[in-house]
Amino acid sequence: MTLLASDRLFPVEPQTRGIARELYQTVADKPIISPHGHTDPRWYAENKPFPDPAQLFITPDHYVFRMLFSQGISLESLGVPRSDGGATETDGRKIWRLFAENYHLFRGTPSRLWLDHAFQDVFGMTMPVSKATADQTYDHIAECLAKPEFLPRALFERFNIEAIATTESPLDDLGWHRMIRESGWTGKVVTAYRPDAVVDPDFEGFAGNVEKFGALTGENTGDWEGYLRAHRVRRAYFKEFGATSTDHGHPTARTENLPSEDAASLFSKALKGTCSAEEADAFRGHMLTEMARMSLEDGLVMQIHPGSHRNHSAPVMAAFGRDKGFDIPTRTDYVRALKPLLDAVGLERDLTVIVFTLDETSYARELAPLAGAYPALKLGPAWWFHDSPEGMRRFREMTTETAGFYNTVGFNDDTRAFCSIPARHDVARRVDCAFLATLVATGRLAEEDAYEVANDLAYRLAKQAYRL
């Protein structure tokens, strides 16, 4: 049996489904451009086998363990490490059995599509995962992982990844990227500059992080001008390891364009830990504008990922740390929030600022009109909670009429789950082809144009926007 229907995600109406199928066939095998994500560069540097199926599919994937946790299954039983080093399950087979017994929880979710795609297309499985097949499916994947063709670099090549970007803190020495570069392997793995640890006054250990930042760069980061120079030094270092972008994960989309003396005063308060919540937000907002100015200087594409209430559960944060499934979308104001940055640099044709959102109500009302006017602004694809067939369709429906296709940047998988990368790109290509087929069938897009747009959305726009 097969785990996936061949015409999945295509329209039900036969004529439109046929158009979608034909469009999809022209982009299904396009190389993957993965311009922003969170896979571990260590995988590609060391090229060691993945330890076991549970550590590949369950323990590191917050999409998976948050669903299980929501049904009362403890994170410890899924092998998620505790911040205090406390006991957690280490037997991969036990973790997999628990996952398999509860696989029905993923019915109808994008996670189910991604997982089944990986099981079928990457590991050649034909049986569904369930309590009855838990040991059999675990053994099958484990046997595959022991083979050379399932090493990280081999999978990278089999997935037809042309380029992938990881995301690192400015405090990272990029040692794994250096190892990749010195290994002689030709796979293109680049880094991206994520300065939150030294930009956000609310980030744990902010003052100590800024001090380390100074030590790394040889700049006096206790001084405002020295702090800005340190960013320029570090950005240049990241560019040596292939970086073409920066990334900013702030709670809001707020930007500011403050006089230098006001920014310096906020920075001093941040180092002393005396910022109010309003002042911390203002400083983050000003730093987005400073980062945009630096992008004009050095050519790095700027990504803004706002609107997530990070680590919403204080007990889970205390016990397990960041990124454990409790980041929750919030309302976001873009028209007023982005105005200071756009007043400063929004008309610059040589700058690219890619904005993402977790607030779908802003697509048609705010983001599409902004991107449809400002040369510097582009829309990132449906992201995170909306990285789903319905979310992708809503994104196209609500942004295309105002921003068109060419003020968007193709698809971006933004994942830690390595084996989900081809699955996510396949979903995006199918959904986009379904959307284009509907435009063709309803007389709003010529069929020959649809083939060109399908290629642009699947491949060219991401490569162009991220300068890869």
Protein backbone atom coordinates (compact mmCIF):
# COMPACT_ATOMS: atom_id res chain seq x y z
CA MET A 1 0.00 0.00 0.00
CA THR A 2 1.00 3.65 -0.26
CA LEU A 3 0.77 6.11 2.62
CA LEU A 4 -0.02 9.12 0.40
CA ALA A 5 -2.48 9.76 -2.42
CA SER A 6 -0.78 10.75 -5.67
CA ASP A 7 -3.20 13.65 -6.27
CA ARG A 8 -3.17 14.94 -2.71
CA LEU A 9 -3.87 18.65 -2.22
CA PHE A 10 -5.11 19.13 -5.79
CA PRO A 11 -8.61 20.53 -6.49
CA VAL A 12 -11.53 18.10 -6.50
CA GLU A 13 -13.07 19.37 -9.76
CA PRO A 14 -11.60 17.17 -12.56
CA GLN A 15 -10.58 19.85 -15.07
CA THR A 16 -8.84 22.03 -12.49
CA ARG A 17 -7.23 18.98 -10.91
CA GLY A 18 -5.81 18.03 -14.29
CA ILE A 19 -4.29 21.48 -14.76
CA ALA A 20 -2.80 21.35 -11.26
CA ARG A 21 -1.33 17.92 -11.93
CA GLU A 22 0.30 19.10 -15.16
CA LEU A 23 1.75 22.19 -13.50
CA TYR A 24 3.06 20.15 -10.58
CA GLN A 25 4.83 17.68 -12.84
CA THR A 26 7.00 20.53 -14.18
CA VAL A 27 8.21 21.59 -10.69
CA ALA A 28 8.06 18.40 -8.62
CA ASP A 29 11.74 17.61 -9.17
CA LYS A 30 13.15 21.14 -9.05
CA PRO A 31 16.17 21.56 -6.76
CA ILE A 32 15.36 22.68 -3.24
CA ILE A 33 16.41 26.13 -2.10
CA SER A 34 16.14 26.16 1.71
CA PRO A 35 17.18 29.73 2.53
CA HIS A 36 16.29 29.78 6.21
CA GLY A 37 16.04 26.96 8.73
CA HIS A 38 17.33 25.37 11.88
CA THR A 39 18.97 22.11 10.89
CA ASP A 40 22.19 21.43 12.80
CA PRO A 41 25.36 22.18 10.80
CA ARG A 42 27.08 19.52 12.89
CA TRP A 43 25.15 16.86 10.93
CA TYR A 44 26.76 17.92 7.67
CA ALA A 45 30.18 18.56 9.24
CA GLU A 46 30.59 15.18 10.95
CA ASN A 47 28.38 13.17 8.55
CA LYS A 48 27.66 10.57 11.21
CA PRO A 49 24.60 8.29 11.22
CA PHE A 50 21.51 9.63 12.94
CA PRO A 51 21.33 7.80 16.29
CA ASP A 52 17.89 6.16 16.06
CA PRO A 53 14.41 6.80 14.64
CA ALA A 54 13.18 8.52 17.82
CA GLN A 55 16.06 10.99 17.86
CA LEU A 56 15.50 11.72 14.20
CA PHE A 57 11.73 12.15 14.17
CA ILE A 58 10.42 12.76 17.69
CA THR A 59 12.76 14.15 20.34
CA PRO A 60 13.99 17.22 18.38
CA ASP A 61 10.70 18.11 16.64
CA HIS A 62 8.45 20.47 18.59
CA TYR A 63 5.63 19.93 16.05
CA VAL A 64 5.59 16.28 17.10
CA PHE A 65 6.11 16.40 20.83
CA ARG A 66 3.82 19.39 21.46
CA MET A 67 0.87 17.42 20.04
CA LEU A 68 1.71 14.44 22.23
CA PHE A 69 2.22 16.67 25.27
CA SER A 70 -1.18 18.29 24.66
CA GLN A 71 -2.70 14.84 25.21
CA GLY A 72 -0.97 14.36 28.55
CA ILE A 73 2.19 12.55 27.44
CA SER A 74 5.20 13.87 29.34
CA LEU A 75 8.18 15.40 27.54
CA GLU A 76 10.48 13.26 29.69
CA SER A 77 8.89 10.12 28.27
CA LEU A 78 9.64 11.42 24.76
CA GLY A 79 13.31 11.93 25.53
CA VAL A 80 13.22 15.74 25.54
CA PRO A 81 16.18 16.80 27.69
CA ARG A 82 15.57 18.74 30.90
CA SER A 83 17.44 21.94 31.67
CA ASP A 84 18.47 20.59 35.07
CA GLY A 85 19.87 17.38 33.64
CA GLY A 86 17.07 15.35 35.23
CA ALA A 87 16.13 11.88 34.03
CA THR A 88 14.42 11.47 30.67
CA GLU A 89 13.77 8.41 28.53
CA THR A 90 16.82 7.38 26.49
CA ASP A 91 15.52 4.15 24.95
CA GLY A 92 14.60 5.08 21.37
CA ARG A 93 12.39 2.03 20.95
CA LYS A 94 10.27 2.94 23.99
CA ILE A 95 9.88 6.50 22.71
CA TRP A 96 8.90 5.22 19.27
CA ARG A 97 6.32 2.84 20.73
CA LEU A 98 4.70 5.71 22.61
CA PHE A 99 4.69 7.79 19.43
CA ALA A 100 3.26 4.94 17.35
CA GLU A 101 0.49 4.21 19.86
CA ASN A 102 -0.60 7.82 19.53
CA TYR A 103 0.02 8.39 15.83
CA HIS A 104 -3.71 8.84 15.31
CA LEU A 105 -3.41 12.23 17.03
CA PHE A 106 -1.78 13.62 13.89
CA ARG A 107 -4.68 12.80 11.56
CA GLY A 108 -5.49 15.76 9.31
CA THR A 109 -2.43 17.79 10.40
CA PRO A 110 0.47 18.93 8.20
CA SER A 111 2.77 16.95 10.50
CA ARG A 112 1.04 13.78 9.34
CA LEU A 113 1.67 14.72 5.70
CA TRP A 114 5.35 15.44 6.38
CA LEU A 115 5.87 12.29 8.43
CA ASP A 116 4.12 9.98 5.97
CA HIS A 117 6.07 11.56 3.11
CA ALA A 118 9.34 10.88 4.91
CA PHE A 119 8.33 7.33 5.85
CA GLN A 120 7.25 6.49 2.29
CA ASP A 121 9.62 8.47 0.06
CA VAL A 122 12.78 8.58 2.20
CA PHE A 123 12.58 5.24 4.00
CA GLY A 124 10.48 3.23 1.57
CA MET A 125 7.86 2.22 4.12
CA THR A 126 4.56 0.82 2.90
CA MET A 127 2.92 0.08 6.26
CA PRO A 128 1.24 2.75 8.39
CA VAL A 129 2.67 3.59 11.79
CA SER A 130 0.50 2.26 14.60
CA LYS A 131 0.73 0.43 17.91
CA ALA A 132 0.66 -2.87 16.01
CA THR A 133 3.53 -1.88 13.70
CA ALA A 134 5.65 0.07 16.20
CA ASP A 135 8.55 -2.39 16.46
CA GLN A 136 8.47 -3.28 12.77
CA THR A 137 8.57 0.35 11.62
CA TYR A 138 11.25 1.22 14.19
CA ASP A 139 13.46 -1.64 13.02
CA HIS A 140 12.96 -0.73 9.37
CA ILE A 141 14.05 2.89 9.88
CA ALA A 142 16.90 1.89 12.21
CA GLU A 143 18.25 -0.53 9.60
CA CYS A 144 18.12 2.23 6.98
CA LEU A 145 19.96 4.67 9.23
CA ALA A 146 22.87 2.26 9.48
CA LYS A 147 23.43 2.41 5.71
CA PRO A 148 25.78 4.90 4.01
CA GLU A 149 22.99 6.21 1.79
CA PHE A 150 21.20 7.53 4.88
CA LEU A 151 24.09 9.60 6.19
CA PRO A 152 23.31 13.34 6.37
CA ARG A 153 25.33 14.31 3.29
CA ALA A 154 23.86 11.47 1.23
CA LEU A 155 20.33 12.49 2.21
CA PHE A 156 21.17 16.13 1.43
CA GLU A 157 22.12 15.07 -2.08
CA ARG A 158 19.16 12.69 -2.47
CA PHE A 159 16.78 15.45 -1.39
CA ASN A 160 18.22 17.53 -4.27
CA ILE A 161 19.06 20.42 -1.96
CA GLU A 162 20.91 23.05 -3.93
CA ALA A 163 21.50 25.31 -0.92
CA ILE A 164 20.49 25.34 2.73
CA ALA A 165 20.97 28.00 5.40
CA THR A 166 21.27 27.25 9.09
CA THR A 167 20.82 29.92 11.77
CA GLU A 168 23.46 30.86 14.32
CA SER A 169 23.92 33.34 17.14
CA PRO A 170 26.60 36.03 16.79
CA LEU A 171 28.35 34.26 19.69
CA ASP A 172 28.72 31.04 17.69
CA ASP A 173 32.25 30.39 16.45
CA LEU A 174 30.82 28.72 13.30
CA GLY A 175 33.18 25.81 13.89
CA TRP A 176 30.86 23.31 12.21
CA HIS A 177 30.63 25.53 9.15
CA ARG A 178 34.41 25.76 9.07
CA MET A 179 34.59 21.96 9.25
CA ILE A 180 32.15 21.64 6.35
CA ARG A 181 34.17 24.08 4.27
CA GLU A 182 37.48 22.36 5.03
CA SER A 183 36.09 18.87 4.35
CA GLY A 184 35.98 19.37 0.59
CA TRP A 185 32.33 18.31 0.42
CA THR A 186 30.52 20.37 -2.21
CA GLY A 187 27.09 20.61 -0.54
CA LYS A 188 26.15 24.25 -0.06
CA VAL A 189 25.45 24.86 3.64
CA VAL A 190 25.60 28.50 4.70
CA THR A 191 24.88 30.31 7.95
CA ALA A 192 22.53 33.20 8.80
CA TYR A 193 23.10 35.95 11.36
CA ARG A 194 20.57 35.80 14.23
CA PRO A 195 21.54 38.57 16.69
CA ASP A 196 18.68 38.23 19.20
CA ALA A 197 21.02 37.21 22.05
CA VAL A 198 22.85 40.54 21.83
CA VAL A 199 19.94 42.73 20.66
CA ASP A 200 17.09 41.79 22.98
CA PRO A 201 17.45 43.20 26.54
CA ASP A 202 15.02 40.51 27.74
CA PHE A 203 17.16 37.67 26.37
CA GLU A 204 18.62 35.68 29.26
CA GLY A 205 22.17 36.78 30.06
CA PHE A 206 21.98 39.83 27.77
CA ALA A 207 24.76 41.86 29.43
CA GLY A 208 27.09 38.86 29.57
CA ASN A 209 26.30 38.06 25.95
CA VAL A 210 27.24 41.60 24.91
CA GLU A 211 30.50 41.30 26.83
CA LYS A 212 31.33 38.04 25.00
CA PHE A 213 30.35 39.79 21.78
CA GLY A 214 33.02 42.38 22.47
CA ALA A 215 35.65 39.76 23.23
CA LEU A 216 34.90 37.97 19.96
CA THR A 217 35.16 41.11 17.86
CA GLY A 218 37.83 43.07 19.70
CA GLU A 219 35.43 45.99 20.09
CA ASN A 220 34.36 47.85 23.22
CA THR A 221 30.75 46.72 23.38
CA GLY A 222 30.18 48.68 26.58
CA ASP A 223 30.10 51.70 24.28
CA TRP A 224 27.26 52.32 21.80
CA GLU A 225 29.48 52.99 18.80
CA GLY A 226 31.71 50.05 19.68
CA TYR A 227 28.64 47.84 19.96
CA LEU A 228 27.51 48.82 16.45
CA ARG A 229 31.02 48.20 15.10
CA ALA A 230 30.95 44.75 16.69
CA HIS A 231 27.82 43.91 14.68
CA ARG A 232 29.54 44.97 11.48
CA VAL A 233 32.59 42.85 12.32
CA ARG A 234 30.51 39.81 13.14
CA ARG A 235 28.28 40.16 10.08
CA ALA A 236 31.40 40.23 7.91
CA TYR A 237 32.62 37.06 9.65
CA PHE A 238 29.31 35.33 8.94
CA LYS A 239 29.56 36.36 5.30
CA GLU A 240 32.88 34.51 5.13
CA PHE A 241 30.87 31.34 5.83
CA GLY A 242 28.33 32.03 3.12
CA ALA A 243 25.74 34.07 5.00
CA THR A 244 23.38 35.96 2.71
CA SER A 245 20.80 36.88 5.35
CA THR A 246 20.07 38.01 8.88
CA ASP A 247 17.11 36.90 10.98
CA HIS A 248 15.28 38.68 13.79
CA GLY A 249 12.74 36.98 16.04
CA HIS A 250 11.25 39.83 18.04
CA PRO A 251 8.02 39.71 20.05
CA THR A 252 6.56 42.55 17.95
CA ALA A 253 7.19 44.14 14.55
CA ARG A 254 7.94 47.48 16.21
CA THR A 255 10.68 49.53 14.63
CA GLU A 256 12.15 52.85 15.74
CA ASN A 257 14.55 55.36 14.22
CA LEU A 258 15.89 57.11 17.30
CA PRO A 259 18.49 59.84 17.58
CA SER A 260 21.88 58.31 18.33
CA GLU A 261 22.02 59.73 21.86
CA ASP A 262 18.61 58.23 22.71
CA ALA A 263 19.63 54.83 21.35
CA ALA A 264 22.88 55.00 23.34
CA SER A 265 20.93 55.79 26.50
CA LEU A 266 18.62 52.79 26.01
CA PHE A 267 21.63 50.58 25.33
CA SER A 268 23.25 51.70 28.59
CA LYS A 269 20.07 50.89 30.50
CA ALA A 270 19.85 47.49 28.80
CA LEU A 271 23.38 46.61 29.91
CA LYS A 272 22.55 47.64 33.47
CA GLY A 273 19.30 45.66 33.42
CA THR A 274 17.24 48.74 34.23
CA CYS A 275 15.14 48.92 31.03
CA SER A 276 11.39 49.03 31.46
CA ALA A 277 9.37 46.74 29.18
CA GLU A 278 8.59 49.74 26.96
CA GLU A 279 12.25 50.74 26.76
CA ALA A 280 13.34 47.20 25.93
CA ASP A 281 10.81 47.07 23.10
CA ALA A 282 11.94 50.47 21.83
CA PHE A 283 15.57 49.31 21.82
CA ARG A 284 14.70 46.16 19.89
CA GLY A 285 12.75 48.30 17.46
CA HIS A 286 15.63 50.69 16.93
CA MET A 287 18.03 47.81 16.36
CA LEU A 288 15.85 46.54 13.50
CA THR A 289 16.41 49.86 11.75
CA GLU A 290 20.14 49.74 12.53
CA MET A 291 20.27 46.21 11.09
CA ALA A 292 18.46 47.40 7.96
CA ARG A 293 21.04 50.16 7.50
CA MET A 294 23.82 47.61 7.88
CA SER A 295 22.11 45.43 5.27
CA LEU A 296 22.29 48.35 2.88
CA GLU A 297 26.04 48.41 3.51
CA ASP A 298 26.85 44.71 3.33
CA GLY A 299 24.04 43.28 1.17
CA LEU A 300 22.64 40.79 3.70
CA VAL A 301 18.93 40.13 3.21
CA MET A 302 16.97 40.95 6.37
CA GLN A 303 14.25 38.68 7.75
CA ILE A 304 11.82 39.75 10.47
CA HIS A 305 9.92 36.97 12.27
CA PRO A 306 7.69 38.82 14.78
CA GLY A 307 4.52 38.03 16.63
CA SER A 308 5.28 34.96 18.71
CA HIS A 309 4.79 34.91 22.46
CA ARG A 310 7.85 32.82 23.08
CA ASN A 311 7.89 30.13 25.77
CA HIS A 312 4.33 30.84 26.93
CA SER A 313 4.43 28.18 29.66
CA ALA A 314 6.67 29.34 32.50
CA PRO A 315 6.87 25.82 34.04
CA VAL A 316 7.91 24.22 30.73
CA MET A 317 10.45 27.00 30.13
CA ALA A 318 11.93 26.46 33.58
CA ALA A 319 12.11 22.69 33.20
CA PHE A 320 13.08 22.31 29.53
CA GLY A 321 14.21 25.70 28.20
CA ARG A 322 13.43 27.42 24.92
CA ASP A 323 11.71 26.01 21.83
CA LYS A 324 9.64 23.31 23.48
CA GLY A 325 6.33 23.83 21.69
CA PHE A 326 4.98 26.72 23.73
CA ASP A 327 5.55 29.61 21.34
CA ILE A 328 2.08 31.00 20.62
CA PRO A 329 1.00 33.46 17.86
CA THR A 330 -0.11 36.95 18.85
CA ARG A 331 -1.78 39.89 17.09
CA THR A 332 0.69 42.09 15.23
CA ASP A 333 0.41 45.64 13.88
CA TYR A 334 2.58 46.18 10.81
CA VAL A 335 1.34 49.50 9.35
CA ARG A 336 2.38 51.57 12.34
CA ALA A 337 5.10 49.26 13.60
CA LEU A 338 7.17 49.18 10.40
CA LYS A 339 6.73 52.86 9.52
CA PRO A 340 9.95 54.16 11.18
CA LEU A 341 12.06 51.57 9.38
CA LEU A 342 10.26 52.11 6.08
CA ASP A 343 10.61 55.88 6.40
CA ALA A 344 14.34 55.37 6.83
CA VAL A 345 15.07 52.74 4.16
CA GLY A 346 11.83 51.43 2.66
CA LEU A 347 12.36 53.08 -0.73
CA GLU A 348 15.85 51.59 -1.17
CA ARG A 349 15.85 49.29 -4.20
CA ASP A 350 19.07 47.56 -3.12
CA LEU A 351 17.63 46.45 0.24
CA THR A 352 15.47 43.38 0.82
CA VAL A 353 13.48 43.12 4.05
CA ILE A 354 11.40 39.93 4.21
CA VAL A 355 8.55 40.07 6.70
CA PHE A 356 6.81 37.00 8.09
CA THR A 357 3.67 36.87 10.22
CA LEU A 358 1.77 34.59 12.55
CA ASP A 359 -1.25 36.93 12.34
CA GLU A 360 -3.18 35.96 9.21
CA THR A 361 -5.60 38.86 9.68
CA SER A 362 -2.77 41.16 8.57
CA TYR A 363 -2.23 39.58 5.14
CA ALA A 364 -4.80 41.48 3.07
CA ARG A 365 -5.25 44.44 5.39
CA GLU A 366 -1.60 45.37 6.01
CA LEU A 367 1.21 43.22 4.66
CA ALA A 368 0.15 42.83 1.04
CA PRO A 369 -0.53 46.56 0.60
CA LEU A 370 2.81 47.43 2.23
CA ALA A 371 4.78 44.98 0.08
CA GLY A 372 2.81 46.10 -2.95
CA ALA A 373 4.19 49.62 -2.52
CA TYR A 374 7.61 49.64 -0.80
CA PRO A 375 10.51 48.45 -3.00
CA ALA A 376 12.51 47.14 -0.03
CA LEU A 377 9.70 45.01 1.41
CA LYS A 378 8.89 41.41 0.47
CA LEU A 379 6.49 38.92 2.06
CA GLY A 380 7.78 35.71 3.53
CA PRO A 381 5.60 32.63 2.93
CA ALA A 382 3.05 31.18 5.32
CA TRP A 383 5.08 30.47 8.43
CA TRP A 384 5.15 28.08 11.37
CA PHE A 385 1.56 27.45 12.51
CA HIS A 386 0.38 28.38 9.01
CA ASP A 387 2.96 26.23 7.19
CA SER A 388 0.10 23.95 6.15
CA PRO A 389 -1.98 23.34 3.03
CA GLU A 390 -4.78 25.61 4.24
CA GLY A 391 -2.36 28.24 5.53
CA MET A 392 -0.49 28.34 2.22
CA ARG A 393 -3.73 28.62 0.28
CA ARG A 394 -4.98 31.45 2.52
CA PHE A 395 -1.66 33.26 2.05
CA ARG A 396 -1.98 33.18 -1.74
CA GLU A 397 -5.67 34.14 -1.69
CA MET A 398 -5.15 37.13 0.60
CA THR A 399 -1.88 38.54 -0.76
CA THR A 400 -1.84 37.94 -4.52
CA GLU A 401 -4.50 40.47 -5.49
CA THR A 402 -2.50 43.33 -3.91
CA ALA A 403 1.14 42.23 -3.80
CA GLY A 404 1.15 39.84 -6.75
CA PHE A 405 3.50 36.88 -6.84
CA TYR A 406 6.68 38.87 -7.30
CA ASN A 407 6.60 40.71 -3.99
CA THR A 408 6.77 37.31 -2.30
CA VAL A 409 9.84 35.09 -1.98
CA GLY A 410 8.80 31.54 -2.85
CA PHE A 411 8.84 28.89 -0.15
CA ASN A 412 10.91 28.59 3.01
CA ASP A 413 10.73 25.39 5.09
CA ASP A 414 12.17 26.92 8.32
CA THR A 415 12.59 23.54 10.02
CA ARG A 416 14.76 21.57 12.42
CA ALA A 417 13.37 18.28 11.11
CA PHE A 418 15.77 17.30 8.32
CA CYS A 419 13.63 14.57 6.74
CA SER A 420 10.64 16.90 6.51
CA ILE A 421 12.41 19.29 4.12
CA PRO A 422 11.45 17.54 0.85
CA ALA A 423 7.95 16.90 2.24
CA ARG A 424 7.38 20.56 3.08
CA HIS A 425 8.58 21.74 -0.32
CA ASP A 426 6.37 19.13 -1.99
CA VAL A 427 3.33 20.41 -0.08
CA ALA A 428 4.12 24.01 -1.05
CA ARG A 429 4.53 23.09 -4.72
CA ARG A 430 1.26 21.17 -4.76
CA VAL A 431 -0.68 23.95 -3.03
CA ASP A 432 0.75 26.63 -5.31
CA CYS A 433 -0.03 24.56 -8.40
CA ALA A 434 -3.58 24.05 -7.14
CA PHE A 435 -3.95 27.81 -6.66
CA LEU A 436 -2.55 28.55 -10.11
CA ALA A 437 -4.81 25.91 -11.68
CA THR A 438 -7.83 27.64 -10.18
CA LEU A 439 -6.71 30.96 -11.67
CA VAL A 440 -6.31 29.29 -15.06
CA ALA A 441 -9.66 27.50 -14.88
CA THR A 442 -11.47 30.71 -13.94
CA GLY A 443 -9.84 32.76 -16.69
CA ARG A 444 -7.65 34.92 -14.48
CA LEU A 445 -4.26 33.58 -15.61
CA ALA A 446 -3.08 32.29 -18.97
CA GLU A 447 -1.95 28.68 -18.82
CA GLU A 448 1.49 29.46 -20.27
CA ASP A 449 1.96 32.12 -17.56
CA ALA A 450 0.97 29.61 -14.90
CA TYR A 451 3.87 27.32 -15.85
CA GLU A 452 6.31 30.20 -15.47
CA VAL A 453 4.85 31.28 -12.13
CA ALA A 454 4.95 27.69 -10.83
CA ASN A 455 8.69 27.56 -11.52
CA ASP A 456 9.19 30.97 -9.92
CA LEU A 457 7.36 29.98 -6.74
CA ALA A 458 9.04 26.59 -6.46
CA TYR A 459 12.60 27.69 -7.18
CA ARG A 460 13.57 31.01 -8.71
CA LEU A 461 12.08 33.52 -6.28
CA ALA A 462 13.73 32.05 -3.19
CA LYS A 463 17.08 31.81 -4.94
CA GLN A 464 16.79 35.41 -6.15
CA ALA A 465 15.44 36.93 -2.93
CA TYR A 466 18.08 35.32 -0.71
CA ARG A 467 20.90 35.90 -3.21
CA LEU A 468 21.75 32.21 -3.34
